[in-house]
PDB file of N, CA and C in Angstrom:
ATOM      1  N   MET A   1       1.739 -79.890  11.500  1.00  0.00           N
ATOM      2  CA  MET A   1       0.618 -80.172  12.549  1.00  0.00           C
ATOM      3  C   MET A   1      -0.377 -79.322  12.220  1.00  0.00           C
ATOM      4  N   GLU A   2      -1.644 -80.133  11.867  1.00  0.00           N
ATOM      5  CA  GLU A   2      -2.975 -79.520  11.489  1.00  0.00           C
ATOM      6  C   GLU A   2      -4.005 -79.275  12.780  1.00  0.00           C
ATOM      7  N   ILE A   3      -4.374 -78.178  12.754  1.00  0.00           N
ATOM      8  CA  ILE A   3      -5.258 -77.723  14.071  1.00  0.00           C
ATOM      9  C   ILE A   3      -6.933 -77.786  13.435  1.00  0.00           C
ATOM     10  N   ASP A   4      -7.927 -78.690  14.119  1.00  0.00           N
ATOM     11  CA  ASP A   4      -9.369 -78.612  13.628  1.00  0.00           C
ATOM     12  C   ASP A   4      -9.900 -77.397  14.065  1.00  0.00           C
ATOM     13  N   THR A   5     -11.159 -77.139  14.042  1.00  0.00           N
ATOM     14  CA  THR A   5     -12.059 -76.464  13.831  1.00  0.00           C
ATOM     15  C   THR A   5     -12.257 -76.363  15.447  1.00  0.00           C
ATOM     16  N   THR A   6     -12.731 -77.595  16.033  1.00  0.00           N
ATOM     17  CA  THR A   6     -13.351 -77.727  17.420  1.00  0.00           C
ATOM     18  C   THR A   6     -11.966 -77.363  18.319  1.00  0.00           C
ATOM     19  N   THR A   7     -10.928 -77.865  17.979  1.00  0.00           N
ATOM     20  CA  THR A   7      -9.613 -77.446  18.886  1.00  0.00           C
ATOM     21  C   THR A   7      -9.375 -76.128  18.819  1.00  0.00           C
ATOM     22  N   LEU A   8      -9.610 -75.399  17.827  1.00  0.00           N
ATOM     23  CA  LEU A   8      -9.442 -73.976  17.606  1.00  0.00           C
ATOM     24  C   LEU A   8     -10.162 -72.968  18.706  1.00  0.00           C
ATOM     25  N   ILE A   9     -11.741 -73.428  18.254  1.00  0.00           N
ATOM     26  CA  ILE A   9     -12.584 -72.995  18.967  1.00  0.00           C
ATOM     27  C   ILE A   9     -12.385 -73.116  20.506  1.00  0.00           C
ATOM     28  N   ASN A  10     -11.778 -74.418  20.912  1.00  0.00           N
ATOM     29  CA  ASN A  10     -11.702 -74.670  22.294  1.00  0.00           C
ATOM     30  C   ASN A  10     -10.474 -73.532  23.070  1.00  0.00           C
ATOM     31  N   ILE A  11      -9.617 -73.648  21.860  1.00  0.00           N
ATOM     32  CA  ILE A  11      -8.429 -72.862  22.749  1.00  0.00           C
ATOM     33  C   ILE A  11      -8.893 -71.295  22.694  1.00  0.00           C
ATOM     34  N   ILE A  12      -9.704 -70.804  21.854  1.00  0.00           N
ATOM     35  CA  ILE A  12     -10.217 -69.502  21.779  1.00  0.00           C
ATOM     36  C   ILE A  12     -10.892 -69.216  23.329  1.00  0.00           C
ATOM     37  N   VAL A  13     -11.945 -69.968  23.288  1.00  0.00           N
ATOM     38  CA  VAL A  13     -12.699 -70.256  24.458  1.00  0.00           C
ATOM     39  C   VAL A  13     -11.967 -70.267  25.899  1.00  0.00           C
ATOM     40  N   VAL A  14     -10.894 -70.998  25.965  1.00  0.00           N
ATOM     41  CA  VAL A  14      -9.753 -71.039  27.340  1.00  0.00           C
ATOM     42  C   VAL A  14      -9.309 -70.008  27.400  1.00  0.00           C
ATOM     43  N   LEU A  15      -8.799 -69.366  26.374  1.00  0.00           N
ATOM     44  CA  LEU A  15      -8.045 -68.069  26.449  1.00  0.00           C
ATOM     45  C   LEU A  15      -9.293 -66.856  27.056  1.00  0.00           C
ATOM     46  N   ILE A  16     -10.409 -66.570  26.474  1.00  0.00           N
ATOM     47  CA  ILE A  16     -11.012 -65.683  26.918  1.00  0.00           C
ATOM     48  C   ILE A  16     -11.384 -65.966  28.376  1.00  0.00           C
ATOM     49  N   ILE A  17     -12.056 -67.134  28.641  1.00  0.00           N
ATOM     50  CA  ILE A  17     -12.215 -67.184  29.960  1.00  0.00           C
ATOM     51  C   ILE A  17     -11.065 -67.456  30.968  1.00  0.00           C
ATOM     52  N   GLY A  18      -9.976 -68.099  30.546  1.00  0.00           N
ATOM     53  CA  GLY A  18      -9.029 -68.151  31.397  1.00  0.00           C
ATOM     54  C   GLY A  18      -8.167 -66.869  31.958  1.00  0.00           C
ATOM     55  N   CYS A  19      -8.171 -65.754  30.929  1.00  0.00           N
ATOM     56  CA  CYS A  19      -7.764 -64.550  31.135  1.00  0.00           C
ATOM     57  C   CYS A  19      -8.297 -63.542  31.565  1.00  0.00           C
ATOM     58  N   GLY A  20      -9.811 -63.807  31.935  1.00  0.00           N
ATOM     59  CA  GLY A  20     -10.809 -63.195  33.066  1.00  0.00           C
ATOM     60  C   GLY A  20     -11.730 -62.282  31.700  1.00  0.00           C
ATOM     61  N   GLY A  21     -11.375 -62.304  30.560  1.00  0.00           N
ATOM     62  CA  GLY A  21     -11.993 -61.630  29.302  1.00  0.00           C
ATOM     63  C   GLY A  21     -13.073 -61.128  29.582  1.00  0.00           C
ATOM     64  N   ILE A  22     -14.351 -62.578  29.857  1.00  0.00           N
ATOM     65  CA  ILE A  22     -15.453 -62.285  30.336  1.00  0.00           C
ATOM     66  C   ILE A  22     -15.878 -61.417  31.479  1.00  0.00           C
ATOM     67  N   TRP A  23     -15.290 -61.433  32.759  1.00  0.00           N
ATOM     68  CA  TRP A  23     -15.125 -60.647  33.867  1.00  0.00           C
ATOM     69  C   TRP A  23     -14.894 -59.339  33.661  1.00  0.00           C
ATOM     70  N   SER A  24     -13.814 -59.108  32.824  1.00  0.00           N
ATOM     71  CA  SER A  24     -13.377 -57.928  32.573  1.00  0.00           C
ATOM     72  C   SER A  24     -14.512 -57.013  31.809  1.00  0.00           C
ATOM     73  N   PHE A  25     -15.118 -57.548  31.003  1.00  0.00           N
ATOM     74  CA  PHE A  25     -16.348 -57.174  29.921  1.00  0.00           C
ATOM     75  C   PHE A  25     -17.418 -56.703  30.964  1.00  0.00           C
ATOM     76  N   LEU A  26     -17.750 -57.975  31.957  1.00  0.00           N
ATOM     77  CA  LEU A  26     -19.123 -57.513  32.596  1.00  0.00           C
ATOM     78  C   LEU A  26     -18.590 -56.319  33.846  1.00  0.00           C
ATOM     79  N   ILE A  27     -17.421 -56.293  33.994  1.00  0.00           N
ATOM     80  CA  ILE A  27     -17.159 -55.112  34.738  1.00  0.00           C
ATOM     81  C   ILE A  27     -17.221 -54.171  33.921  1.00  0.00           C
ATOM     82  N   TRP A  28     -16.709 -53.748  32.864  1.00  0.00           N
ATOM     83  CA  TRP A  28     -16.643 -52.467  32.116  1.00  0.00           C
ATOM     84  C   TRP A  28     -18.178 -52.263  31.944  1.00  0.00           C
ATOM     85  N   ARG A  29     -19.237 -53.487  31.491  1.00  0.00           N
ATOM     86  CA  ARG A  29     -20.452 -53.051  31.179  1.00  0.00           C
ATOM     87  C   ARG A  29     -21.242 -52.372  32.331  1.00  0.00           C
ATOM     88  N   HIS A  30     -20.915 -53.014  33.383  1.00  0.00           N
ATOM     89  CA  HIS A  30     -21.477 -52.669  34.938  1.00  0.00           C
ATOM     90  C   HIS A  30     -21.216 -51.049  35.155  1.00  0.00           C
ATOM     91  N   ASP A  31     -19.985 -50.878  35.086  1.00  0.00           N
ATOM     92  CA  ASP A  31     -19.448 -49.331  35.269  1.00  0.00           C
ATOM     93  C   ASP A  31     -20.163 -48.403  34.356  1.00  0.00           C
ATOM     94  N   ARG A  32     -20.412 -48.805  33.315  1.00  0.00           N
ATOM     95  CA  ARG A  32     -20.743 -48.090  31.939  1.00  0.00           C
ATOM     96  C   ARG A  32     -22.402 -47.487  32.512  1.00  0.00           C
ATOM     97  N   THR A  33     -23.102 -48.544  32.905  1.00  0.00           N
ATOM     98  CA  THR A  33     -24.321 -48.705  33.282  1.00  0.00           C
ATOM     99  C   THR A  33     -24.377 -47.879  34.614  1.00  0.00           C
ATOM    100  N   LYS A  34     -23.543 -47.722  35.456  1.00  0.00           N
ATOM    101  CA  LYS A  34     -23.607 -47.031  36.618  1.00  0.00           C
ATOM    102  C   LYS A  34     -23.293 -45.643  36.347  1.00  0.00           C
ATOM    103  N   ILE A  35     -22.477 -45.299  35.246  1.00  0.00           N
ATOM    104  CA  ILE A  35     -22.225 -43.779  34.858  1.00  0.00           C
ATOM    105  C   ILE A  35     -23.381 -43.279  34.181  1.00  0.00           C
ATOM    106  N   ALA A  36     -23.976 -43.942  33.525  1.00  0.00           N
ATOM    107  CA  ALA A  36     -25.456 -43.683  32.820  1.00  0.00           C
ATOM    108  C   ALA A  36     -26.213 -43.300  33.849  1.00  0.00           C
ATOM    109  N   LEU A  37     -26.506 -44.354  34.506  1.00  0.00           N
ATOM    110  CA  LEU A  37     -27.627 -43.887  35.524  1.00  0.00           C
ATOM    111  C   LEU A  37     -27.367 -42.620  36.284  1.00  0.00           C
ATOM    112  N   LYS A  38     -26.045 -42.268  36.900  1.00  0.00           N
ATOM    113  CA  LYS A  38     -25.719 -41.470  37.409  1.00  0.00           C
ATOM    114  C   LYS A  38     -25.758 -40.157  36.570  1.00  0.00           C
ATOM    115  N   LEU A  39     -25.787 -40.081  35.519  1.00  0.00           N
ATOM    116  CA  LEU A  39     -25.969 -38.883  34.603  1.00  0.00           C
ATOM    117  C   LEU A  39     -27.440 -38.341  34.234  1.00  0.00           C
ATOM    118  N   ARG A  40     -27.876 -39.605  34.321  1.00  0.00           N
ATOM    119  CA  ARG A  40     -29.533 -39.447  34.055  1.00  0.00           C
ATOM    120  C   ARG A  40     -30.128 -39.005  35.191  1.00  0.00           C
ATOM    121  N   ARG A  41     -29.602 -39.186  36.515  1.00  0.00           N
ATOM    122  CA  ARG A  41     -30.193 -38.878  37.903  1.00  0.00           C
ATOM    123  C   ARG A  41     -29.696 -37.000  37.729  1.00  0.00           C
ATOM    124  N   LYS A  42     -28.699 -36.988  37.674  1.00  0.00           N
ATOM    125  CA  LYS A  42     -28.255 -35.653  37.413  1.00  0.00           C
ATOM    126  C   LYS A  42     -29.098 -34.490  36.566  1.00  0.00           C
ATOM    127  N   LEU A  43     -29.361 -35.333  35.436  1.00  0.00           N
ATOM    128  CA  LEU A  43     -29.993 -34.538  34.497  1.00  0.00           C
ATOM    129  C   LEU A  43     -31.741 -34.132  34.823  1.00  0.00           C
ATOM    130  N   GLN A  44     -31.891 -35.413  35.350  1.00  0.00           N
ATOM    131  CA  GLN A  44     -33.498 -35.538  35.699  1.00  0.00           C
ATOM    132  C   GLN A  44     -33.542 -34.207  37.318  1.00  0.00           C
ATOM    133  N   GLN A  45     -32.435 -34.183  37.929  1.00  0.00           N
ATOM    134  CA  GLN A  45     -32.733 -33.172  38.991  1.00  0.00           C
ATOM    135  C   GLN A  45     -32.394 -31.779  38.496  1.00  0.00           C
ATOM    136  N   ASN A  46     -31.603 -31.556  37.106  1.00  0.00           N
ATOM    137  CA  ASN A  46     -31.671 -30.292  36.544  1.00  0.00           C
ATOM    138  C   ASN A  46     -32.674 -29.798  35.850  1.00  0.00           C
ATOM    139  N   LEU A  47     -33.457 -30.742  35.435  1.00  0.00           N
ATOM    140  CA  LEU A  47     -34.651 -30.680  34.633  1.00  0.00           C
ATOM    141  C   LEU A  47     -35.838 -30.363  35.587  1.00  0.00           C
ATOM    142  N   ILE A  48     -35.643 -30.510  36.918  1.00  0.00           N
ATOM    143  CA  ILE A  48     -36.384 -30.389  37.887  1.00  0.00           C
ATOM    144  C   ILE A  48     -36.436 -28.902  38.405  1.00  0.00           C
ATOM    145  N   GLU A  49     -35.241 -28.860  38.628  1.00  0.00           N
ATOM    146  CA  GLU A  49     -34.622 -27.239  38.936  1.00  0.00           C
ATOM    147  C   GLU A  49     -34.910 -26.213  38.070  1.00  0.00           C
ATOM    148  N   LEU A  50     -34.887 -26.585  36.821  1.00  0.00           N
ATOM    149  CA  LEU A  50     -35.485 -25.714  35.803  1.00  0.00           C
ATOM    150  C   LEU A  50     -36.816 -25.172  35.858  1.00  0.00           C
ATOM    151  N   MET A  51     -37.627 -26.317  36.268  1.00  0.00           N
ATOM    152  CA  MET A  51     -39.382 -25.991  36.091  1.00  0.00           C
ATOM    153  C   MET A  51     -39.421 -24.955  37.418  1.00  0.00           C
ATOM    154  N   ARG A  52     -38.477 -25.334  38.395  1.00  0.00           N
ATOM    155  CA  ARG A  52     -38.866 -24.634  39.747  1.00  0.00           C
ATOM    156  C   ARG A  52     -38.330 -23.275  39.493  1.00  0.00           C
ATOM    157  N   LEU A  53     -37.249 -23.010  38.958  1.00  0.00           N
ATOM    158  CA  LEU A  53     -36.954 -22.024  38.553  1.00  0.00           C
ATOM    159  C   LEU A  53     -37.955 -20.705  37.895  1.00  0.00           C
ATOM    160  N   SER A  54     -38.576 -21.529  36.721  1.00  0.00           N
ATOM    161  CA  SER A  54     -39.461 -21.009  35.791  1.00  0.00           C
ATOM    162  C   SER A  54     -40.600 -20.480  36.661  1.00  0.00           C
ATOM    163  N   GLU A  55     -41.053 -21.281  37.738  1.00  0.00           N
ATOM    164  CA  GLU A  55     -41.962 -20.912  38.391  1.00  0.00           C
ATOM    165  C   GLU A  55     -41.509 -19.849  39.270  1.00  0.00           C
ATOM    166  N   LEU A  56     -40.475 -19.661  39.735  1.00  0.00           N
ATOM    167  CA  LEU A  56     -40.225 -18.793  40.695  1.00  0.00           C
ATOM    168  C   LEU A  56     -39.683 -17.189  40.020  1.00  0.00           C
ATOM    169  N   TYR A  57     -39.360 -17.523  38.673  1.00  0.00           N
ATOM    170  CA  TYR A  57     -39.166 -16.566  37.757  1.00  0.00           C
ATOM    171  C   TYR A  57     -40.748 -15.846  37.424  1.00  0.00           C
ATOM    172  N   THR A  58     -41.542 -16.798  37.290  1.00  0.00           N
ATOM    173  CA  THR A  58     -43.063 -15.966  37.055  1.00  0.00           C
ATOM    174  C   THR A  58     -43.663 -15.490  38.267  1.00  0.00           C
ATOM    175  N   GLU A  59     -43.167 -16.311  39.455  1.00  0.00           N
ATOM    176  CA  GLU A  59     -43.936 -15.380  40.584  1.00  0.00           C
ATOM    177  C   GLU A  59     -43.297 -14.219  40.923  1.00  0.00           C
ATOM    178  N   VAL A  60     -41.789 -14.064  40.695  1.00  0.00           N
ATOM    179  CA  VAL A  60     -41.172 -12.714  40.976  1.00  0.00           C
ATOM    180  C   VAL A  60     -41.637 -11.464  40.062  1.00  0.00           C
ATOM    181  N   ARG A  61     -42.109 -12.312  39.050  1.00  0.00           N
ATOM    182  CA  ARG A  61     -42.409 -10.892  37.742  1.00  0.00           C
ATOM    183  C   ARG A  61     -43.622 -10.376  37.778  1.00  0.00           C
ATOM    184  N   ASP A  62     -44.641 -11.425  38.732  1.00  0.00           N
ATOM    185  CA  ASP A  62     -45.955 -10.978  38.680  1.00  0.00           C
ATOM    186  C   ASP A  62     -46.356 -10.324  40.188  1.00  0.00           C
ATOM    187  N   ASN A  63     -45.138 -10.613  41.016  1.00  0.00           N
ATOM    188  CA  ASN A  63     -45.789 -10.195  42.446  1.00  0.00           C
ATOM    189  C   ASN A  63     -44.735  -8.911  43.213  1.00  0.00           C
ATOM    190  N   ALA A  64     -43.966  -8.297  42.203  1.00  0.00           N
ATOM    191  CA  ALA A  64     -43.076  -7.562  42.834  1.00  0.00           C
ATOM    192  C   ALA A  64     -43.467  -6.167  43.020  1.00  0.00           C
ATOM    193  N   GLN A  65     -43.081  -5.270  43.904  1.00  0.00           N
ATOM    194  CA  GLN A  65     -43.623  -4.024  43.927  1.00  0.00           C
ATOM    195  C   GLN A  65     -43.032  -2.876  43.248  1.00  0.00           C
ATOM    196  N   SER A  66     -41.898  -3.135  42.985  1.00  0.00           N
ATOM    197  CA  SER A  66     -41.331  -1.925  42.069  1.00  0.00           C
ATOM    198  C   SER A  66     -40.483  -2.296  40.944  1.00  0.00           C
ATOM    199  N   LEU A  67     -40.347  -1.422  39.935  1.00  0.00           N
ATOM    200  CA  LEU A  67     -39.450  -1.772  38.945  1.00  0.00           C
ATOM    201  C   LEU A  67     -38.012  -2.214  38.973  1.00  0.00           C
ATOM    202  N   ASN A  68     -37.396  -1.614  40.278  1.00  0.00           N
ATOM    203  CA  ASN A  68     -36.123  -2.193  40.339  1.00  0.00           C
ATOM    204  C   ASN A  68     -35.946  -3.390  41.109  1.00  0.00           C
ATOM    205  N   GLU A  69     -36.810  -3.704  41.722  1.00  0.00           N
ATOM    206  CA  GLU A  69     -36.808  -5.220  42.518  1.00  0.00           C
ATOM    207  C   GLU A  69     -37.260  -6.215  41.453  1.00  0.00           C
ATOM    208  N   VAL A  70     -38.081  -6.022  40.574  1.00  0.00           N
ATOM    209  CA  VAL A  70     -38.302  -6.552  39.662  1.00  0.00           C
ATOM    210  C   VAL A  70     -37.141  -7.499  38.771  1.00  0.00           C
ATOM    211  N   ASN A  71     -36.442  -5.823  38.487  1.00  0.00           N
ATOM    212  CA  ASN A  71     -35.205  -6.308  37.493  1.00  0.00           C
ATOM    213  C   ASN A  71     -34.300  -7.230  37.994  1.00  0.00           C
ATOM    214  N   ARG A  72     -33.960  -6.749  39.342  1.00  0.00           N
ATOM    215  CA  ARG A  72     -33.197  -7.288  40.078  1.00  0.00           C
ATOM    216  C   ARG A  72     -33.136  -8.746  40.201  1.00  0.00           C
ATOM    217  N   LYS A  73     -34.412  -9.147  40.726  1.00  0.00           N
ATOM    218  CA  LYS A  73     -34.824 -10.636  41.208  1.00  0.00           C
ATOM    219  C   LYS A  73     -34.771 -11.421  40.041  1.00  0.00           C
ATOM    220  N   LEU A  74     -35.803 -10.627  38.633  1.00  0.00           N
ATOM    221  CA  LEU A  74     -35.861 -11.479  37.427  1.00  0.00           C
ATOM    222  C   LEU A  74     -34.242 -11.661  36.931  1.00  0.00           C
ATOM    223  N   ASN A  75     -33.309 -10.596  37.108  1.00  0.00           N
ATOM    224  CA  ASN A  75     -32.073 -10.964  36.437  1.00  0.00           C
ATOM    225  C   ASN A  75     -31.361 -12.264  37.210  1.00  0.00           C
ATOM    226  N   SER A  76     -31.074 -12.017  38.331  1.00  0.00           N
ATOM    227  CA  SER A  76     -30.922 -12.965  39.372  1.00  0.00           C
ATOM    228  C   SER A  76     -31.486 -14.783  38.885  1.00  0.00           C
ATOM    229  N   VAL A  77     -32.619 -14.926  38.778  1.00  0.00           N
ATOM    230  CA  VAL A  77     -33.072 -16.066  38.686  1.00  0.00           C
ATOM    231  C   VAL A  77     -32.601 -16.381  37.087  1.00  0.00           C
ATOM    232  N   LYS A  78     -32.861 -15.554  36.046  1.00  0.00           N
ATOM    233  CA  LYS A  78     -32.761 -15.850  34.727  1.00  0.00           C
ATOM    234  C   LYS A  78     -31.137 -16.502  34.615  1.00  0.00           C
ATOM    235  N   ASP A  79     -30.211 -15.858  35.549  1.00  0.00           N
ATOM    236  CA  ASP A  79     -28.626 -16.192  35.561  1.00  0.00           C
ATOM    237  C   ASP A  79     -28.734 -17.708  35.955  1.00  0.00           C
ATOM    238  N   ARG A  80     -29.352 -18.009  36.937  1.00  0.00           N
ATOM    239  CA  ARG A  80     -29.356 -19.450  37.396  1.00  0.00           C
ATOM    240  C   ARG A  80     -30.419 -20.113  36.200  1.00  0.00           C
ATOM    241  N   ILE A  81     -31.255 -19.623  35.845  1.00  0.00           N
ATOM    242  CA  ILE A  81     -32.048 -20.612  34.887  1.00  0.00           C
ATOM    243  C   ILE A  81     -30.863 -20.981  33.428  1.00  0.00           C
ATOM    244  N   ASP A  82     -30.154 -19.819  33.255  1.00  0.00           N
ATOM    245  CA  ASP A  82     -29.007 -20.183  32.061  1.00  0.00           C
ATOM    246  C   ASP A  82     -27.871 -21.070  32.685  1.00  0.00           C
ATOM    247  N   ILE A  83     -27.416 -20.913  33.584  1.00  0.00           N
ATOM    248  CA  ILE A  83     -26.435 -22.041  34.018  1.00  0.00           C
ATOM    249  C   ILE A  83     -27.326 -23.527  33.735  1.00  0.00           C
ATOM    250  N   VAL A  84     -28.330 -23.558  34.624  1.00  0.00           N
ATOM    251  CA  VAL A  84     -29.209 -24.888  34.609  1.00  0.00           C
ATOM    252  C   VAL A  84     -29.286 -25.502  33.235  1.00  0.00           C
ATOM    253  N   GLN A  85     -29.690 -24.795  32.328  1.00  0.00           N
ATOM    254  CA  GLN A  85     -30.024 -25.115  30.931  1.00  0.00           C
ATOM    255  C   GLN A  85     -28.514 -25.602  30.462  1.00  0.00           C
ATOM    256  N   LYS A  86     -27.689 -24.910  30.399  1.00  0.00           N
ATOM    257  CA  LYS A  86     -26.419 -25.199  29.871  1.00  0.00           C
ATOM    258  C   LYS A  86     -25.825 -26.714  30.651  1.00  0.00           C
ATOM    259  N   GLU A  87     -25.825 -26.605  31.890  1.00  0.00           N
ATOM    260  CA  GLU A  87     -25.565 -27.948  32.183  1.00  0.00           C
ATOM    261  C   GLU A  87     -26.378 -28.988  32.263  1.00  0.00           C
ATOM    262  N   ILE A  88     -27.660 -29.111  31.530  1.00  0.00           N
ATOM    263  CA  ILE A  88     -28.562 -29.818  30.983  1.00  0.00           C
ATOM    264  C   ILE A  88     -28.156 -30.503  29.781  1.00  0.00           C
ATOM    265  N   THR A  89     -27.666 -29.362  28.871  1.00  0.00           N
ATOM    266  CA  THR A  89     -27.040 -29.490  27.595  1.00  0.00           C
ATOM    267  C   THR A  89     -25.740 -30.548  27.744  1.00  0.00           C
ATOM    268  N   LYS A  90     -24.865 -30.218  28.683  1.00  0.00           N
ATOM    269  CA  LYS A  90     -23.787 -30.847  29.000  1.00  0.00           C
ATOM    270  C   LYS A  90     -23.751 -32.234  29.168  1.00  0.00           C
ATOM    271  N   LEU A  91     -24.946 -32.302  30.265  1.00  0.00           N
ATOM    272  CA  LEU A  91     -25.055 -33.730  30.718  1.00  0.00           C
ATOM    273  C   LEU A  91     -25.863 -34.688  29.796  1.00  0.00           C
ATOM    274  N   GLU A  92     -26.382 -34.267  29.054  1.00  0.00           N
ATOM    275  CA  GLU A  92     -27.187 -34.981  27.690  1.00  0.00           C
ATOM    276  C   GLU A  92     -26.012 -35.375  26.882  1.00  0.00           C
ATOM    277  N   GLU A  93     -25.016 -34.431  26.632  1.00  0.00           N
ATOM    278  CA  GLU A  93     -23.611 -35.001  25.669  1.00  0.00           C
ATOM    279  C   GLU A  93     -23.027 -36.088  26.390  1.00  0.00           C
ATOM    280  N   LYS A  94     -23.073 -35.667  27.702  1.00  0.00           N
ATOM    281  CA  LYS A  94     -22.220 -36.932  28.204  1.00  0.00           C
ATOM    282  C   LYS A  94     -22.713 -38.231  28.460  1.00  0.00           C
ATOM    283  N   LEU A  95     -24.086 -37.916  28.391  1.00  0.00           N
ATOM    284  CA  LEU A  95     -25.001 -39.476  28.574  1.00  0.00           C
ATOM    285  C   LEU A  95     -24.995 -39.885  27.241  1.00  0.00           C
ATOM    286  N   SER A  96     -25.111 -39.127  26.000  1.00  0.00           N
ATOM    287  CA  SER A  96     -25.321 -39.899  24.943  1.00  0.00           C
ATOM    288  C   SER A  96     -24.045 -40.439  24.663  1.00  0.00           C
ATOM    289  N   LYS A  97     -22.629 -40.093  24.917  1.00  0.00           N
ATOM    290  CA  LYS A  97     -21.188 -40.873  24.625  1.00  0.00           C
ATOM    291  C   LYS A  97     -21.075 -42.115  25.773  1.00  0.00           C
ATOM    292  N   VAL A  98     -21.737 -42.077  26.746  1.00  0.00           N
ATOM    293  CA  VAL A  98     -21.606 -43.339  27.329  1.00  0.00           C
ATOM    294  C   VAL A  98     -22.320 -44.192  27.054  1.00  0.00           C
ATOM    295  N   GLU A  99     -23.809 -43.924  26.113  1.00  0.00           N
ATOM    296  CA  GLU A  99     -24.689 -44.611  25.610  1.00  0.00           C
ATOM    297  C   GLU A  99     -24.404 -45.091  24.543  1.00  0.00           C
ATOM    298  N   ASN A 100     -23.625 -44.604  23.601  1.00  0.00           N
ATOM    299  CA  ASN A 100     -23.091 -44.833  22.456  1.00  0.00           C
ATOM    300  C   ASN A 100     -24.355 -44.668  21.281  1.00  0.00           C
ATOM    301  N   ARG A 101     -24.896 -43.124  21.623  1.00  0.00           N
ATOM    302  CA  ARG A 101     -25.508 -42.757  20.606  1.00  0.00           C
ATOM    303  C   ARG A 101     -25.675 -41.013  20.469  1.00  0.00           C
ATOM    304  N   MET A 102     -26.762 -40.493  19.565  1.00  0.00           N
ATOM    305  CA  MET A 102     -26.395 -39.396  19.105  1.00  0.00           C
ATOM    306  C   MET A 102     -27.190 -38.361  20.379  1.00  0.00           C
ATOM    307  N   PRO A 103     -26.920 -37.136  20.493  1.00  0.00           N
ATOM    308  CA  PRO A 103     -27.370 -36.563  21.496  1.00  0.00           C
ATOM    309  C   PRO A 103     -28.904 -36.227  21.339  1.00  0.00           C
ATOM    310  N   GLU A 104     -29.699 -36.150  22.445  1.00  0.00           N
ATOM    311  CA  GLU A 104     -31.064 -35.724  22.092  1.00  0.00           C
ATOM    312  C   GLU A 104     -31.087 -34.290  22.261  1.00  0.00           C
ATOM    313  N   GLU A 105     -31.843 -33.486  21.181  1.00  0.00           N
ATOM    314  CA  GLU A 105     -31.875 -32.357  21.164  1.00  0.00           C
ATOM    315  C   GLU A 105     -33.128 -32.081  22.227  1.00  0.00           C
ATOM    316  N   ILE A 106     -32.921 -31.442  23.448  1.00  0.00           N
ATOM    317  CA  ILE A 106     -34.007 -31.164  24.560  1.00  0.00           C
ATOM    318  C   ILE A 106     -34.512 -29.719  24.576  1.00  0.00           C
ATOM    319  N   GLU A 107     -35.744 -29.597  24.235  1.00  0.00           N
ATOM    320  CA  GLU A 107     -36.187 -28.262  24.338  1.00  0.00           C
ATOM    321  C   GLU A 107     -36.462 -27.628  25.458  1.00  0.00           C
ATOM    322  N   LEU A 108     -35.397 -26.836  25.963  1.00  0.00           N
ATOM    323  CA  LEU A 108     -35.290 -26.158  27.086  1.00  0.00           C
ATOM    324  C   LEU A 108     -36.320 -24.650  26.947  1.00  0.00           C
ATOM    325  N   LYS A 109     -37.493 -24.790  27.533  1.00  0.00           N
ATOM    326  CA  LYS A 109     -38.232 -23.344  27.632  1.00  0.00           C
ATOM    327  C   LYS A 109     -38.414 -22.783  28.909  1.00  0.00           C
ATOM    328  N   TYR A 110     -38.406 -21.680  28.994  1.00  0.00           N
ATOM    329  CA  TYR A 110     -39.244 -21.074  30.694  1.00  0.00           C
ATOM    330  C   TYR A 110     -39.904 -20.308  30.169  1.00  0.00           C
ATOM    331  N   ILE A 111     -40.877 -19.554  31.235  1.00  0.00           N
ATOM    332  CA  ILE A 111     -41.572 -18.541  30.868  1.00  0.00           C
ATOM    333  C   ILE A 111     -40.980 -17.135  30.320  1.00  0.00           C
ATOM    334  N   PRO A 112     -41.057 -16.812  29.138  1.00  0.00           N
ATOM    335  CA  PRO A 112     -40.307 -15.657  28.975  1.00  0.00           C
ATOM    336  C   PRO A 112     -40.849 -14.215  29.970  1.00  0.00           C
ATOM    337  N   PRO A 113     -40.029 -13.105  30.109  1.00  0.00           N
ATOM    338  CA  PRO A 113     -40.256 -12.163  30.808  1.00  0.00           C
ATOM    339  C   PRO A 113     -41.478 -11.071  30.071  1.00  0.00           C
ATOM    340  N   LEU A 114     -42.141 -10.849  31.004  1.00  0.00           N
ATOM    341  CA  LEU A 114     -42.874  -9.717  30.289  1.00  0.00           C
ATOM    342  C   LEU A 114     -42.791  -8.369  30.873  1.00  0.00           C
ATOM    343  N   GLN A 115     -43.060  -7.258  30.030  1.00  0.00           N
ATOM    344  CA  GLN A 115     -43.003  -5.953  30.560  1.00  0.00           C
ATOM    345  C   GLN A 115     -43.815  -5.550  31.787  1.00  0.00           C
ATOM    346  N   PRO A 116     -43.377  -5.361  33.156  1.00  0.00           N
ATOM    347  CA  PRO A 116     -44.254  -5.046  34.470  1.00  0.00           C
ATOM    348  C   PRO A 116     -45.029  -3.733  33.856  1.00  0.00           C
ATOM    349  N   ASP A 117     -46.059  -3.824  34.536  1.00  0.00           N
ATOM    350  CA  ASP A 117     -47.163  -2.676  34.513  1.00  0.00           C
ATOM    351  C   ASP A 117     -46.846  -1.429  34.978  1.00  0.00           C
TER     352      ASP A 117
END
């Protein structure tokens, strides 16, 4: 018994559609897009938080009254900045895996500390 090309193509199409292969693929793609959007939103929030902390760092550095107060507040803000920077890097790695690409290098700079007068 010989099967022609048209019959073979019809069998393959029926198997894919009949087994819900297309629906499974569409659901998988939708879930992947949803995860990517969630990660991008979180990444954006962390970048905004980093900008806010950088401004706070500068404000504390420039407006503090005593050296002890400056050091205590600056260390507190710097610790938070370090945590946010690590989170940004982790989120970019996760997002790149979901999107099947190489992780982008994000340059994370904040205002460096100056010696108080």
